[in-house]
Amino acid sequence: MNTRSGEVWVFAEQEEGKLAEIAFELLGKARELADKLGVKVGAVLMGSDVEALAKPLFEGGADVVHLVDDPALKVFRNKAYRHAMVELVKECSPQIVIFGATHMGRDLG
């Protein structure tokens, strides 16, 4: 019996309403980990007016998309994104959060 809980998350990086390719690469890795752990894959999508970007994330392998849509997140600023991520982690308690090795991913991670 699996007693583990908490999803495996991918930070789905987007800029100006366009998802970064790294998000889809990381969803594949997250799927491998999640299947071994017996949990769901979650994608964290942050920004302003980015709800339409959830569909491609589901198509790319996410079981759940955690959407944080706020005008304060229109442009990446570490403090605003960090605050939103910390609150989401506190609320949902993922096991693993994967960030891409990009400027934005490294800064936020």
Protein backbone atom coordinates (compact mmCIF):
# COMPACT_ATOMS: atom_id res chain seq x y z
CA MET A 1 0.00 0.00 0.00
CA ASN A 2 1.32 3.43 -0.94
CA THR A 3 1.38 5.76 2.05
CA ARG A 4 3.02 8.64 0.18
CA SER A 5 1.07 11.69 -0.75
CA GLY A 6 1.78 14.96 -2.45
CA GLU A 7 2.13 15.55 -6.14
CA VAL A 8 5.27 15.93 -8.21
CA TRP A 9 5.18 19.49 -9.50
CA VAL A 10 6.70 21.23 -12.48
CA PHE A 11 7.03 25.00 -12.57
CA ALA A 12 5.48 25.72 -15.99
CA GLU A 13 7.50 28.71 -17.05
CA GLN A 14 5.78 31.15 -19.36
CA GLU A 15 6.64 34.55 -20.66
CA GLU A 16 4.30 36.95 -22.44
CA GLY A 17 1.63 34.24 -22.66
CA LYS A 18 3.88 31.62 -24.26
CA LEU A 19 4.88 28.43 -22.45
CA ALA A 20 8.59 27.62 -22.44
CA GLU A 21 9.57 24.28 -24.00
CA ILE A 22 11.32 23.33 -20.77
CA ALA A 23 7.89 22.94 -19.13
CA PHE A 24 7.05 20.04 -21.45
CA GLU A 25 10.46 18.41 -21.03
CA LEU A 26 10.06 18.56 -17.26
CA LEU A 27 6.53 17.14 -17.40
CA GLY A 28 7.99 13.97 -18.93
CA LYS A 29 10.49 13.60 -16.08
CA ALA A 30 7.80 14.42 -13.53
CA ARG A 31 5.59 11.67 -14.99
CA GLU A 32 8.36 9.11 -14.46
CA LEU A 33 8.83 10.18 -10.84
CA ALA A 34 5.11 10.43 -10.11
CA ASP A 35 4.44 6.96 -11.53
CA LYS A 36 7.15 5.47 -9.32
CA LEU A 37 5.70 7.27 -6.29
CA GLY A 38 2.08 6.54 -7.18
CA VAL A 39 1.05 10.21 -7.18
CA LYS A 40 -0.21 12.82 -9.65
CA VAL A 41 1.79 15.27 -11.75
CA GLY A 42 0.98 18.90 -11.09
CA ALA A 43 1.99 21.88 -13.19
CA VAL A 44 2.26 25.28 -11.54
CA LEU A 45 1.21 28.00 -13.96
CA MET A 46 1.68 31.60 -12.86
CA GLY A 47 1.04 34.86 -14.65
CA SER A 48 -1.74 37.21 -15.68
CA ASP A 49 -4.46 36.04 -18.09
CA VAL A 50 -2.71 32.69 -18.58
CA GLU A 51 -5.64 30.30 -18.02
CA ALA A 52 -5.63 29.30 -21.71
CA LEU A 53 -2.12 27.87 -21.23
CA ALA A 54 -3.48 25.16 -18.92
CA LYS A 55 -4.82 23.04 -21.79
CA PRO A 56 -1.41 22.40 -23.39
CA LEU A 57 -0.05 21.44 -19.95
CA PHE A 58 -2.78 18.82 -19.54
CA GLU A 59 -2.02 17.59 -23.05
CA GLY A 60 1.68 17.48 -22.11
CA GLY A 61 1.06 15.14 -19.19
CA ALA A 62 -0.09 17.17 -16.20
CA ASP A 63 -2.89 15.60 -14.16
CA VAL A 64 -3.53 18.87 -12.33
CA VAL A 65 -2.72 22.48 -13.19
CA HIS A 66 -2.34 24.83 -10.24
CA LEU A 67 -3.21 28.21 -11.72
CA VAL A 68 -2.10 31.41 -10.01
CA ASP A 69 -3.53 34.15 -12.19
CA ASP A 70 -2.87 37.64 -10.88
CA PRO A 71 -2.07 40.96 -12.59
CA ALA A 72 0.92 41.29 -10.22
CA LEU A 73 2.42 38.24 -11.97
CA LYS A 74 2.19 39.63 -15.51
CA VAL A 75 5.97 40.11 -15.63
CA PHE A 76 8.35 37.81 -13.74
CA ARG A 77 9.54 39.45 -10.55
CA ASN A 78 11.14 37.12 -8.05
CA LYS A 79 9.46 38.53 -4.96
CA ALA A 80 5.91 38.25 -6.33
CA TYR A 81 6.44 34.79 -7.86
CA ARG A 82 8.24 33.52 -4.76
CA HIS A 83 5.41 34.65 -2.51
CA ALA A 84 2.82 32.95 -4.73
CA MET A 85 4.86 29.72 -4.91
CA VAL A 86 5.45 29.57 -1.15
CA GLU A 87 1.74 30.03 -0.45
CA LEU A 88 0.83 27.32 -2.97
CA VAL A 89 3.38 24.89 -1.51
CA LYS A 90 2.04 25.53 2.00
CA GLU A 91 -1.51 24.91 0.80
CA CYS A 92 -0.90 21.78 -1.30
CA SER A 93 2.28 20.14 0.12
CA PRO A 94 3.88 18.62 -2.99
CA GLN A 95 6.59 15.98 -2.53
CA ILE A 96 8.83 17.35 -5.26
CA VAL A 97 8.96 20.62 -7.19
CA ILE A 98 11.00 20.70 -10.38
CA PHE A 99 12.29 23.94 -11.86
CA GLY A 100 14.01 24.28 -15.23
CA ALA A 101 17.65 25.29 -15.37
CA THR A 102 16.70 28.58 -17.01
CA HIS A 103 17.24 32.09 -15.70
CA MET A 104 13.70 32.27 -14.37
CA GLY A 105 13.70 28.70 -13.02
CA ARG A 106 17.00 29.11 -11.21
CA ASP A 107 16.01 32.47 -9.79
CA LEU A 108 12.71 31.19 -8.45
CA GLY A 109 14.00 27.78 -7.37
